[in-house]
C-alpha cells in the first residue's frame, strides 16, 4: 500500500518550522530528493541529518526499519543520494547505524558522528 502524508508548519525548537513528508512512494521520494539536492546545491556546507529506527529483531540481525529521508522499500534514487560524496550525513552514535545499513546493502558515503 503506497502512502504519502504531508505536514507543513510543524513547530520545532521555538521558531523553527518543519515541512515533513512521510511516504513509501518511490516517485514522491524522487521528487523530495530532487528538492533536497537543489537546496543543497546552493549551500556551502552540504550537511544532511540522518536518523534510523530499527525493526524488533535481535540486535545481531536487526535492520533499519525507517530512515528520516526514506521509506522501508528500496529506492535507487535514495541509495544514490546516500552514496553521493558531495553531502555530509551527520548522526549520533552511528556505529550501530552503519552496521545495520550494511545488512541491507546500504552505505552512507560521508557519515560523521556528532
PDB file of N, CA and C in Angstrom:
ATOM      1  N   UNK A   1       0.842  -1.175   0.000  1.00  0.00           N
ATOM      2  CA  UNK A   1       0.000   0.000   0.000  1.00  0.00           C
ATOM      3  C   UNK A   1       0.893   1.247   0.000  1.00  0.00           C
ATOM      4  N   UNK A   2       0.749   2.070  -0.998  1.00  0.00           N
ATOM      5  CA  UNK A   2       1.542   3.291  -1.145  1.00  0.00           C
ATOM      6  C   UNK A   2       0.833   4.424  -0.406  1.00  0.00           C
ATOM      7  N   UNK A   3       1.616   5.222   0.328  1.00  0.00           N
ATOM      8  CA  UNK A   3       1.030   6.358   1.032  1.00  0.00           C
ATOM      9  C   UNK A   3       1.982   7.547   1.020  1.00  0.00           C
ATOM     10  N   UNK A   4       1.419   8.731   1.138  1.00  0.00           N
ATOM     11  CA  UNK A   4       2.182   9.967   1.335  1.00  0.00           C
ATOM     12  C   UNK A   4       1.369  10.850   2.267  1.00  0.00           C
ATOM     13  N   UNK A   5       1.973  11.214   3.394  1.00  0.00           N
ATOM     14  CA  UNK A   5       1.363  12.156   4.332  1.00  0.00           C
ATOM     15  C   UNK A   5       2.269  13.376   4.399  1.00  0.00           C
ATOM     16  N   UNK A   6       1.679  14.551   4.363  1.00  0.00           N
ATOM     17  CA  UNK A   6       2.466  15.777   4.375  1.00  0.00           C
ATOM     18  C   UNK A   6       2.015  16.659   5.540  1.00  0.00           C
ATOM     19  N   UNK A   7       2.998  17.188   6.263  1.00  0.00           N
ATOM     20  CA  UNK A   7       2.731  18.052   7.410  1.00  0.00           C
ATOM     21  C   UNK A   7       3.539  19.336   7.219  1.00  0.00           C
ATOM     22  N   UNK A   8       2.852  20.468   7.135  1.00  0.00           N
ATOM     23  CA  UNK A   8       3.526  21.756   6.937  1.00  0.00           C
ATOM     24  C   UNK A   8       3.442  22.582   8.211  1.00  0.00           C
ATOM     25  N   UNK A   9       4.504  23.346   8.457  1.00  0.00           N
ATOM     26  CA  UNK A   9       4.499  24.264   9.580  1.00  0.00           C
ATOM     27  C   UNK A   9       4.594  23.598  10.945  1.00  0.00           C
ATOM     28  N   UNK A  10       5.159  22.417  11.022  1.00  0.00           N
ATOM     29  CA  UNK A  10       5.322  21.741  12.303  1.00  0.00           C
ATOM     30  C   UNK A  10       6.388  22.499  13.099  1.00  0.00           C
ATOM     31  N   UNK A  11       6.040  22.933  14.304  1.00  0.00           N
ATOM     32  CA  UNK A  11       6.971  23.729  15.106  1.00  0.00           C
ATOM     33  C   UNK A  11       7.999  22.835  15.795  1.00  0.00           C
ATOM     34  N   UNK A  12       9.252  23.287  15.744  1.00  0.00           N
ATOM     35  CA  UNK A  12      10.342  22.590  16.418  1.00  0.00           C
ATOM     36  C   UNK A  12      11.297  23.632  16.970  1.00  0.00           C
ATOM     37  N   UNK A  13      11.670  23.532  18.191  1.00  0.00           N
ATOM     38  CA  UNK A  13      12.657  24.413  18.807  1.00  0.00           C
ATOM     39  C   UNK A  13      12.303  25.886  18.638  1.00  0.00           C
ATOM     40  N   UNK A  14      11.144  26.264  19.095  1.00  0.00           N
ATOM     41  CA  UNK A  14      10.763  27.670  19.072  1.00  0.00           C
ATOM     42  C   UNK A  14      10.250  28.128  17.731  1.00  0.00           C
ATOM     43  N   UNK A  15      11.070  28.883  16.988  1.00  0.00           N
ATOM     44  CA  UNK A  15      10.589  29.477  15.742  1.00  0.00           C
ATOM     45  C   UNK A  15      10.948  28.667  14.497  1.00  0.00           C
ATOM     46  N   UNK A  16      11.479  27.476  14.655  1.00  0.00           N
ATOM     47  CA  UNK A  16      11.812  26.638  13.506  1.00  0.00           C
ATOM     48  C   UNK A  16      10.555  25.908  13.032  1.00  0.00           C
ATOM     49  N   UNK A  17      10.274  26.007  11.751  1.00  0.00           N
ATOM     50  CA  UNK A  17       9.113  25.332  11.166  1.00  0.00           C
ATOM     51  C   UNK A  17       9.601  24.221  10.248  1.00  0.00           C
ATOM     52  N   UNK A  18       9.020  23.042  10.386  1.00  0.00           N
ATOM     53  CA  UNK A  18       9.402  21.897   9.566  1.00  0.00           C
ATOM     54  C   UNK A  18       8.328  21.589   8.537  1.00  0.00           C
ATOM     55  N   UNK A  19       8.768  21.102   7.400  1.00  0.00           N
ATOM     56  CA  UNK A  19       7.880  20.580   6.362  1.00  0.00           C
ATOM     57  C   UNK A  19       8.221  19.095   6.261  1.00  0.00           C
ATOM     58  N   UNK A  20       7.307  18.251   6.680  1.00  0.00           N
ATOM     59  CA  UNK A  20       7.565  16.818   6.775  1.00  0.00           C
ATOM     60  C   UNK A  20       6.758  16.077   5.723  1.00  0.00           C
ATOM     61  N   UNK A  21       7.442  15.205   4.979  1.00  0.00           N
ATOM     62  CA  UNK A  21       6.771  14.314   4.035  1.00  0.00           C
ATOM     63  C   UNK A  21       7.099  12.892   4.458  1.00  0.00           C
ATOM     64  N   UNK A  22       6.071  12.143   4.808  1.00  0.00           N
ATOM     65  CA  UNK A  22       6.216  10.747   5.242  1.00  0.00           C
ATOM     66  C   UNK A  22       5.619   9.886   4.135  1.00  0.00           C
ATOM     67  N   UNK A  23       6.468   9.102   3.477  1.00  0.00           N
ATOM     68  CA  UNK A  23       5.992   8.369   2.301  1.00  0.00           C
ATOM     69  C   UNK A  23       6.741   7.064   2.113  1.00  0.00           C
ATOM     70  N   UNK A  24       6.099   6.149   1.433  1.00  0.00           N
ATOM     71  CA  UNK A  24       6.774   4.952   0.937  1.00  0.00           C
ATOM     72  C   UNK A  24       6.636   4.877  -0.587  1.00  0.00           C
ATOM     73  N   UNK A  25       6.256   5.989  -1.194  1.00  0.00           N
ATOM     74  CA  UNK A  25       6.063   6.094  -2.634  1.00  0.00           C
ATOM     75  C   UNK A  25       7.398   6.485  -3.297  1.00  0.00           C
ATOM     76  N   UNK A  26       7.912   5.622  -4.149  1.00  0.00           N
ATOM     77  CA  UNK A  26       9.211   5.877  -4.780  1.00  0.00           C
ATOM     78  C   UNK A  26       9.206   7.137  -5.637  1.00  0.00           C
ATOM     79  N   UNK A  27       8.106   7.435  -6.303  1.00  0.00           N
ATOM     80  CA  UNK A  27       8.035   8.658  -7.116  1.00  0.00           C
ATOM     81  C   UNK A  27       8.097   9.896  -6.230  1.00  0.00           C
ATOM     82  N   UNK A  28       7.371   9.875  -5.110  1.00  0.00           N
ATOM     83  CA  UNK A  28       7.406  11.009  -4.179  1.00  0.00           C
ATOM     84  C   UNK A  28       8.800  11.150  -3.579  1.00  0.00           C
ATOM     85  N   UNK A  29       9.462  10.024  -3.291  1.00  0.00           N
ATOM     86  CA  UNK A  29      10.828  10.067  -2.756  1.00  0.00           C
ATOM     87  C   UNK A  29      11.756  10.747  -3.751  1.00  0.00           C
ATOM     88  N   UNK A  30      11.650  10.402  -5.024  1.00  0.00           N
ATOM     89  CA  UNK A  30      12.500  11.009  -6.053  1.00  0.00           C
ATOM     90  C   UNK A  30      12.256  12.514  -6.145  1.00  0.00           C
ATOM     91  N   UNK A  31      11.004  12.933  -6.061  1.00  0.00           N
ATOM     92  CA  UNK A  31      10.667  14.363  -6.099  1.00  0.00           C
ATOM     93  C   UNK A  31      11.267  15.078  -4.885  1.00  0.00           C
ATOM     94  N   UNK A  32      11.107  14.492  -3.709  1.00  0.00           N
ATOM     95  CA  UNK A  32      11.625  15.105  -2.482  1.00  0.00           C
ATOM     96  C   UNK A  32      13.147  15.208  -2.511  1.00  0.00           C
ATOM     97  N   UNK A  33      13.810  14.153  -2.956  1.00  0.00           N
ATOM     98  CA  UNK A  33      15.273  14.185  -3.013  1.00  0.00           C
ATOM     99  C   UNK A  33      15.777  15.197  -4.029  1.00  0.00           C
ATOM    100  N   UNK A  34      15.071  15.354  -5.134  1.00  0.00           N
ATOM    101  CA  UNK A  34      15.461  16.383  -6.107  1.00  0.00           C
ATOM    102  C   UNK A  34      15.369  17.765  -5.471  1.00  0.00           C
ATOM    103  N   UNK A  35      14.344  17.989  -4.646  1.00  0.00           N
ATOM    104  CA  UNK A  35      14.211  19.272  -3.942  1.00  0.00           C
ATOM    105  C   UNK A  35      15.351  19.463  -2.944  1.00  0.00           C
ATOM    106  N   UNK A  36      15.693  18.399  -2.182  1.00  0.00           N
ATOM    107  CA  UNK A  36      16.830  18.483  -1.249  1.00  0.00           C
ATOM    108  C   UNK A  36      18.102  18.839  -2.006  1.00  0.00           C
ATOM    109  N   UNK A  37      18.332  18.158  -3.116  1.00  0.00           N
ATOM    110  CA  UNK A  37      19.565  18.372  -3.867  1.00  0.00           C
ATOM    111  C   UNK A  37      19.636  19.791  -4.438  1.00  0.00           C
ATOM    112  N   UNK A  38      18.517  20.334  -4.887  1.00  0.00           N
ATOM    113  CA  UNK A  38      18.501  21.723  -5.369  1.00  0.00           C
ATOM    114  C   UNK A  38      18.855  22.672  -4.223  1.00  0.00           C
ATOM    115  N   UNK A  39      18.270  22.438  -3.063  1.00  0.00           N
ATOM    116  CA  UNK A  39      18.568  23.278  -1.905  1.00  0.00           C
ATOM    117  C   UNK A  39      20.035  23.134  -1.500  1.00  0.00           C
ATOM    118  N   UNK A  40      20.519  21.907  -1.431  1.00  0.00           N
ATOM    119  CA  UNK A  40      21.902  21.669  -1.017  1.00  0.00           C
ATOM    120  C   UNK A  40      22.906  22.253  -2.019  1.00  0.00           C
ATOM    121  N   UNK A  41      22.537  22.300  -3.292  1.00  0.00           N
ATOM    122  CA  UNK A  41      23.460  22.818  -4.300  1.00  0.00           C
ATOM    123  C   UNK A  41      23.795  24.289  -4.044  1.00  0.00           C
ATOM    124  N   UNK A  42      22.936  24.996  -3.331  1.00  0.00           N
ATOM    125  CA  UNK A  42      23.148  26.414  -3.030  1.00  0.00           C
ATOM    126  C   UNK A  42      23.890  26.634  -1.714  1.00  0.00           C
ATOM    127  N   UNK A  43      24.101  25.553  -0.962  1.00  0.00           N
ATOM    128  CA  UNK A  43      24.723  25.667   0.353  1.00  0.00           C
ATOM    129  C   UNK A  43      26.224  25.419   0.276  1.00  0.00           C
ATOM    130  N   UNK A  44      26.979  26.184   1.058  1.00  0.00           N
ATOM    131  CA  UNK A  44      28.434  25.958   1.129  1.00  0.00           C
ATOM    132  C   UNK A  44      28.729  24.621   1.802  1.00  0.00           C
ATOM    133  N   UNK A  45      28.098  24.370   2.941  1.00  0.00           N
ATOM    134  CA  UNK A  45      28.274  23.122   3.679  1.00  0.00           C
ATOM    135  C   UNK A  45      27.045  22.259   3.427  1.00  0.00           C
ATOM    136  N   UNK A  46      27.236  21.145   2.807  1.00  0.00           N
ATOM    137  CA  UNK A  46      26.126  20.283   2.415  1.00  0.00           C
ATOM    138  C   UNK A  46      25.954  19.174   3.456  1.00  0.00           C
ATOM    139  N   UNK A  47      25.288  19.514   4.561  1.00  0.00           N
ATOM    140  CA  UNK A  47      25.142  18.591   5.681  1.00  0.00           C
ATOM    141  C   UNK A  47      23.683  18.176   5.792  1.00  0.00           C
ATOM    142  N   UNK A  48      23.459  16.869   5.891  1.00  0.00           N
ATOM    143  CA  UNK A  48      22.121  16.302   5.992  1.00  0.00           C
ATOM    144  C   UNK A  48      22.049  15.483   7.272  1.00  0.00           C
ATOM    145  N   UNK A  49      21.050  15.731   8.092  1.00  0.00           N
ATOM    146  CA  UNK A  49      20.847  14.937   9.293  1.00  0.00           C
ATOM    147  C   UNK A  49      20.208  13.611   8.893  1.00  0.00           C
ATOM    148  N   UNK A  50      20.684  12.538   9.504  1.00  0.00           N
ATOM    149  CA  UNK A  50      20.116  11.228   9.210  1.00  0.00           C
ATOM    150  C   UNK A  50      19.892  10.500  10.527  1.00  0.00           C
ATOM    151  N   UNK A  51      18.757   9.857  10.652  1.00  0.00           N
ATOM    152  CA  UNK A  51      18.429   9.110  11.858  1.00  0.00           C
ATOM    153  C   UNK A  51      17.716   7.843  11.448  1.00  0.00           C
ATOM    154  N   UNK A  52      18.081   6.747  12.073  1.00  0.00           N
ATOM    155  CA  UNK A  52      17.485   5.453  11.755  1.00  0.00           C
ATOM    156  C   UNK A  52      16.703   4.924  12.946  1.00  0.00           C
ATOM    157  N   UNK A  53      15.622   4.250  12.655  1.00  0.00           N
ATOM    158  CA  UNK A  53      14.875   3.471  13.644  1.00  0.00           C
ATOM    159  C   UNK A  53      14.917   2.029  13.156  1.00  0.00           C
ATOM    160  N   UNK A  54      14.845   1.083  14.090  1.00  0.00           N
ATOM    161  CA  UNK A  54      15.096  -0.316  13.733  1.00  0.00           C
ATOM    162  C   UNK A  54      13.871  -1.200  13.930  1.00  0.00           C
ATOM    163  N   UNK A  55      13.916  -2.383  13.269  1.00  0.00           N
ATOM    164  CA  UNK A  55      12.864  -3.368  13.478  1.00  0.00           C
ATOM    165  C   UNK A  55      13.086  -4.055  14.828  1.00  0.00           C
ATOM    166  N   UNK A  56      12.213  -4.972  15.188  1.00  0.00           N
ATOM    167  CA  UNK A  56      12.268  -5.593  16.511  1.00  0.00           C
ATOM    168  C   UNK A  56      13.067  -6.887  16.555  1.00  0.00           C
ATOM    169  N   UNK A  57      13.869  -7.162  15.559  1.00  0.00           N
ATOM    170  CA  UNK A  57      14.680  -8.375  15.563  1.00  0.00           C
ATOM    171  C   UNK A  57      15.782  -8.256  16.616  1.00  0.00           C
ATOM    172  N   UNK A  58      16.375  -9.399  17.019  1.00  0.00           N
ATOM    173  CA  UNK A  58      17.517  -9.330  17.945  1.00  0.00           C
ATOM    174  C   UNK A  58      18.631  -8.483  17.344  1.00  0.00           C
ATOM    175  N   UNK A  59      19.425  -7.845  18.201  1.00  0.00           N
ATOM    176  CA  UNK A  59      20.428  -6.883  17.743  1.00  0.00           C
ATOM    177  C   UNK A  59      21.364  -7.458  16.687  1.00  0.00           C
ATOM    178  N   UNK A  60      21.729  -8.716  16.809  1.00  0.00           N
ATOM    179  CA  UNK A  60      22.674  -9.327  15.867  1.00  0.00           C
ATOM    180  C   UNK A  60      22.138  -9.354  14.440  1.00  0.00           C
ATOM    181  N   UNK A  61      20.830  -9.342  14.264  1.00  0.00           N
ATOM    182  CA  UNK A  61      20.232  -9.382  12.919  1.00  0.00           C
ATOM    183  C   UNK A  61      19.353  -8.163  12.638  1.00  0.00           C
ATOM    184  N   UNK A  62      19.358  -7.220  13.552  1.00  0.00           N
ATOM    185  CA  UNK A  62      18.492  -6.050  13.427  1.00  0.00           C
ATOM    186  C   UNK A  62      18.831  -5.227  12.192  1.00  0.00           C
ATOM    187  N   UNK A  63      17.806  -4.727  11.510  1.00  0.00           N
ATOM    188  CA  UNK A  63      17.961  -3.925  10.298  1.00  0.00           C
ATOM    189  C   UNK A  63      17.236  -2.598  10.475  1.00  0.00           C
ATOM    190  N   UNK A  64      17.634  -1.572   9.700  1.00  0.00           N
ATOM    191  CA  UNK A  64      16.882  -0.323   9.782  1.00  0.00           C
ATOM    192  C   UNK A  64      15.473  -0.525   9.236  1.00  0.00           C
ATOM    193  N   UNK A  65      14.496  -0.024   9.970  1.00  0.00           N
ATOM    194  CA  UNK A  65      13.105  -0.130   9.544  1.00  0.00           C
ATOM    195  C   UNK A  65      12.586   1.190   9.005  1.00  0.00           C
ATOM    196  N   UNK A  66      13.253   2.282   9.379  1.00  0.00           N
ATOM    197  CA  UNK A  66      12.795   3.605   8.962  1.00  0.00           C
ATOM    198  C   UNK A  66      13.978   4.563   8.980  1.00  0.00           C
ATOM    199  N   UNK A  67      14.020   5.419   8.001  1.00  0.00           N
ATOM    200  CA  UNK A  67      15.033   6.469   7.946  1.00  0.00           C
ATOM    201  C   UNK A  67      14.303   7.778   7.719  1.00  0.00           C
ATOM    202  N   UNK A  68      14.791   8.851   8.320  1.00  0.00           N
ATOM    203  CA  UNK A  68      14.095  10.129   8.185  1.00  0.00           C
ATOM    204  C   UNK A  68      13.870  10.528   6.733  1.00  0.00           C
ATOM    205  N   UNK A  69      14.751  10.125   5.859  1.00  0.00           N
ATOM    206  CA  UNK A  69      14.626  10.526   4.461  1.00  0.00           C
ATOM    207  C   UNK A  69      14.086   9.422   3.567  1.00  0.00           C
ATOM    208  N   UNK A  70      13.779   8.298   4.139  1.00  0.00           N
ATOM    209  CA  UNK A  70      13.498   7.129   3.314  1.00  0.00           C
ATOM    210  C   UNK A  70      12.226   6.412   3.712  1.00  0.00           C
ATOM    211  N   UNK A  71      11.767   5.563   2.814  1.00  0.00           N
ATOM    212  CA  UNK A  71      10.723   4.596   3.116  1.00  0.00           C
ATOM    213  C   UNK A  71      11.393   3.247   3.319  1.00  0.00           C
ATOM    214  N   UNK A  72      10.666   2.302   3.879  1.00  0.00           N
ATOM    215  CA  UNK A  72      11.246   0.988   4.141  1.00  0.00           C
ATOM    216  C   UNK A  72      11.614   0.278   2.844  1.00  0.00           C
ATOM    217  N   UNK A  73      10.895   0.582   1.789  1.00  0.00           N
ATOM    218  CA  UNK A  73      11.155  -0.051   0.496  1.00  0.00           C
ATOM    219  C   UNK A  73      12.383   0.567  -0.161  1.00  0.00           C
ATOM    220  N   UNK A  74      13.153  -0.233  -0.891  1.00  0.00           N
ATOM    221  CA  UNK A  74      14.356   0.269  -1.550  1.00  0.00           C
ATOM    222  C   UNK A  74      13.991   1.240  -2.659  1.00  0.00           C
ATOM    223  N   UNK A  75      14.823   2.252  -2.789  1.00  0.00           N
ATOM    224  CA  UNK A  75      14.616   3.279  -3.802  1.00  0.00           C
ATOM    225  C   UNK A  75      15.993   3.665  -4.328  1.00  0.00           C
ATOM    226  N   UNK A  76      16.272   3.399  -5.586  1.00  0.00           N
ATOM    227  CA  UNK A  76      17.586   3.660  -6.171  1.00  0.00           C
ATOM    228  C   UNK A  76      17.977   5.122  -6.033  1.00  0.00           C
ATOM    229  N   UNK A  77      17.032   6.024  -6.193  1.00  0.00           N
ATOM    230  CA  UNK A  77      17.322   7.450  -6.068  1.00  0.00           C
ATOM    231  C   UNK A  77      17.842   7.755  -4.661  1.00  0.00           C
ATOM    232  N   UNK A  78      17.210   7.159  -3.649  1.00  0.00           N
ATOM    233  CA  UNK A  78      17.652   7.364  -2.270  1.00  0.00           C
ATOM    234  C   UNK A  78      19.018   6.728  -2.041  1.00  0.00           C
ATOM    235  N   UNK A  79      19.216   5.522  -2.544  1.00  0.00           N
ATOM    236  CA  UNK A  79      20.519   4.853  -2.425  1.00  0.00           C
ATOM    237  C   UNK A  79      21.621   5.739  -2.995  1.00  0.00           C
ATOM    238  N   UNK A  80      21.390   6.306  -4.166  1.00  0.00           N
ATOM    239  CA  UNK A  80      22.378   7.171  -4.814  1.00  0.00           C
ATOM    240  C   UNK A  80      22.604   8.456  -4.012  1.00  0.00           C
ATOM    241  N   UNK A  81      21.551   8.989  -3.420  1.00  0.00           N
ATOM    242  CA  UNK A  81      21.668  10.188  -2.589  1.00  0.00           C
ATOM    243  C   UNK A  81      22.592   9.916  -1.398  1.00  0.00           C
ATOM    244  N   UNK A  82      22.393   8.776  -0.722  1.00  0.00           N
ATOM    245  CA  UNK A  82      23.243   8.417   0.422  1.00  0.00           C
ATOM    246  C   UNK A  82      24.697   8.208   0.007  1.00  0.00           C
ATOM    247  N   UNK A  83      24.908   7.713  -1.195  1.00  0.00           N
ATOM    248  CA  UNK A  83      26.257   7.395  -1.673  1.00  0.00           C
ATOM    249  C   UNK A  83      26.968   8.599  -2.287  1.00  0.00           C
ATOM    250  N   UNK A  84      26.285   9.729  -2.405  1.00  0.00           N
ATOM    251  CA  UNK A  84      26.861  10.906  -3.061  1.00  0.00           C
ATOM    252  C   UNK A  84      27.893  11.560  -2.143  1.00  0.00           C
ATOM    253  N   UNK A  85      29.167  11.601  -2.545  1.00  0.00           N
ATOM    254  CA  UNK A  85      30.217  12.155  -1.689  1.00  0.00           C
ATOM    255  C   UNK A  85      30.145  13.675  -1.518  1.00  0.00           C
ATOM    256  N   UNK A  86      29.266  14.352  -2.249  1.00  0.00           N
ATOM    257  CA  UNK A  86      29.132  15.809  -2.091  1.00  0.00           C
ATOM    258  C   UNK A  86      28.480  16.170  -0.756  1.00  0.00           C
ATOM    259  N   UNK A  87      27.758  15.218  -0.160  1.00  0.00           N
ATOM    260  CA  UNK A  87      26.989  15.504   1.042  1.00  0.00           C
ATOM    261  C   UNK A  87      27.633  14.872   2.264  1.00  0.00           C
ATOM    262  N   UNK A  88      27.501  15.553   3.393  1.00  0.00           N
ATOM    263  CA  UNK A  88      27.924  15.015   4.677  1.00  0.00           C
ATOM    264  C   UNK A  88      26.669  14.681   5.466  1.00  0.00           C
ATOM    265  N   UNK A  89      26.572  13.448   5.933  1.00  0.00           N
ATOM    266  CA  UNK A  89      25.442  12.994   6.727  1.00  0.00           C
ATOM    267  C   UNK A  89      25.889  12.922   8.184  1.00  0.00           C
ATOM    268  N   UNK A  90      25.172  13.577   9.060  1.00  0.00           N
ATOM    269  CA  UNK A  90      25.560  13.651  10.463  1.00  0.00           C
ATOM    270  C   UNK A  90      24.547  12.925  11.327  1.00  0.00           C
ATOM    271  N   UNK A  91      25.052  12.177  12.296  1.00  0.00           N
ATOM    272  CA  UNK A  91      24.190  11.460  13.233  1.00  0.00           C
ATOM    273  C   UNK A  91      24.894  11.268  14.560  1.00  0.00           C
ATOM    274  N   UNK A  92      24.197  10.684  15.516  1.00  0.00           N
ATOM    275  CA  UNK A  92      24.745  10.424  16.839  1.00  0.00           C
ATOM    276  C   UNK A  92      24.975   8.929  17.015  1.00  0.00           C
ATOM    277  N   UNK A  93      26.138   8.567  17.536  1.00  0.00           N
ATOM    278  CA  UNK A  93      26.463   7.155  17.804  1.00  0.00           C
ATOM    279  C   UNK A  93      26.147   6.294  16.587  1.00  0.00           C
ATOM    280  N   UNK A  94      26.847   6.544  15.501  1.00  0.00           N
ATOM    281  CA  UNK A  94      26.479   5.970  14.205  1.00  0.00           C
ATOM    282  C   UNK A  94      27.015   4.570  13.951  1.00  0.00           C
ATOM    283  N   UNK A  95      27.847   4.027  14.830  1.00  0.00           N
ATOM    284  CA  UNK A  95      28.404   2.699  14.573  1.00  0.00           C
ATOM    285  C   UNK A  95      27.315   1.653  14.366  1.00  0.00           C
ATOM    286  N   UNK A  96      26.307   1.663  15.215  1.00  0.00           N
ATOM    287  CA  UNK A  96      25.192   0.729  15.058  1.00  0.00           C
ATOM    288  C   UNK A  96      24.424   0.977  13.773  1.00  0.00           C
ATOM    289  N   UNK A  97      24.267   2.254  13.413  1.00  0.00           N
ATOM    290  CA  UNK A  97      23.571   2.601  12.173  1.00  0.00           C
ATOM    291  C   UNK A  97      24.318   2.031  10.972  1.00  0.00           C
ATOM    292  N   UNK A  98      25.648   2.210  10.962  1.00  0.00           N
ATOM    293  CA  UNK A  98      26.452   1.694   9.848  1.00  0.00           C
ATOM    294  C   UNK A  98      26.306   0.182   9.723  1.00  0.00           C
ATOM    295  N   UNK A  99      26.378  -0.514  10.855  1.00  0.00           N
ATOM    296  CA  UNK A  99      26.269  -1.981  10.855  1.00  0.00           C
ATOM    297  C   UNK A  99      24.926  -2.425  10.305  1.00  0.00           C
ATOM    298  N   UNK A 100      23.867  -1.788  10.757  1.00  0.00           N
ATOM    299  CA  UNK A 100      22.529  -2.193  10.313  1.00  0.00           C
ATOM    300  C   UNK A 100      22.276  -1.825   8.855  1.00  0.00           C
ATOM    301  N   UNK A 101      22.838  -0.701   8.400  1.00  0.00           N
ATOM    302  CA  UNK A 101      22.709  -0.344   6.986  1.00  0.00           C
ATOM    303  C   UNK A 101      23.432  -1.362   6.098  1.00  0.00           C
ATOM    304  N   UNK A 102      24.579  -1.834   6.551  1.00  0.00           N
ATOM    305  CA  UNK A 102      25.318  -2.842   5.787  1.00  0.00           C
ATOM    306  C   UNK A 102      24.484  -4.098   5.592  1.00  0.00           C
ATOM    307  N   UNK A 103      23.655  -4.437   6.571  1.00  0.00           N
ATOM    308  CA  UNK A 103      22.817  -5.649   6.484  1.00  0.00           C
ATOM    309  C   UNK A 103      21.799  -5.570   5.355  1.00  0.00           C
ATOM    310  N   UNK A 104      21.481  -4.371   4.906  1.00  0.00           N
ATOM    311  CA  UNK A 104      20.548  -4.212   3.784  1.00  0.00           C
ATOM    312  C   UNK A 104      21.272  -3.606   2.575  1.00  0.00           C
ATOM    313  N   UNK A 105      22.600  -3.743   2.558  1.00  0.00           N
ATOM    314  CA  UNK A 105      23.441  -3.299   1.436  1.00  0.00           C
ATOM    315  C   UNK A 105      23.306  -1.815   1.134  1.00  0.00           C
ATOM    316  N   UNK A 106      23.229  -1.003   2.182  1.00  0.00           N
ATOM    317  CA  UNK A 106      23.223   0.451   2.029  1.00  0.00           C
ATOM    318  C   UNK A 106      24.473   1.007   2.683  1.00  0.00           C
ATOM    319  N   UNK A 107      25.056   2.018   2.044  1.00  0.00           N
ATOM    320  CA  UNK A 107      26.228   2.667   2.601  1.00  0.00           C
ATOM    321  C   UNK A 107      26.069   4.171   2.464  1.00  0.00           C
ATOM    322  N   UNK A 108      26.426   4.878   3.532  1.00  0.00           N
ATOM    323  CA  UNK A 108      26.421   6.325   3.506  1.00  0.00           C
ATOM    324  C   UNK A 108      27.842   6.763   3.238  1.00  0.00           C
ATOM    325  N   UNK A 109      28.072   7.473   2.154  1.00  0.00           N
ATOM    326  CA  UNK A 109      29.423   7.809   1.703  1.00  0.00           C
ATOM    327  C   UNK A 109      30.202   8.634   2.721  1.00  0.00           C
ATOM    328  N   UNK A 110      29.594   9.648   3.256  1.00  0.00           N
ATOM    329  CA  UNK A 110      30.295  10.572   4.146  1.00  0.00           C
ATOM    330  C   UNK A 110      29.459  10.734   5.413  1.00  0.00           C
ATOM    331  N   UNK A 111      29.587   9.784   6.324  1.00  0.00           N
ATOM    332  CA  UNK A 111      28.766   9.682   7.531  1.00  0.00           C
ATOM    333  C   UNK A 111      29.630  10.063   8.717  1.00  0.00           C
ATOM    334  N   UNK A 112      29.308  11.156   9.401  1.00  0.00           N
ATOM    335  CA  UNK A 112      30.097  11.591  10.542  1.00  0.00           C
ATOM    336  C   UNK A 112      29.290  11.487  11.830  1.00  0.00           C
ATOM    337  N   UNK A 113      29.990  11.142  12.902  1.00  0.00           N
ATOM    338  CA  UNK A 113      29.390  11.024  14.222  1.00  0.00           C
ATOM    339  C   UNK A 113      29.546  12.356  14.937  1.00  0.00           C
ATOM    340  N   UNK A 114      28.440  12.911  15.378  1.00  0.00           N
ATOM    341  CA  UNK A 114      28.494  14.225  16.046  1.00  0.00           C
ATOM    342  C   UNK A 114      28.956  14.030  17.469  1.00  0.00           C
TER     343      UNK A 114
END
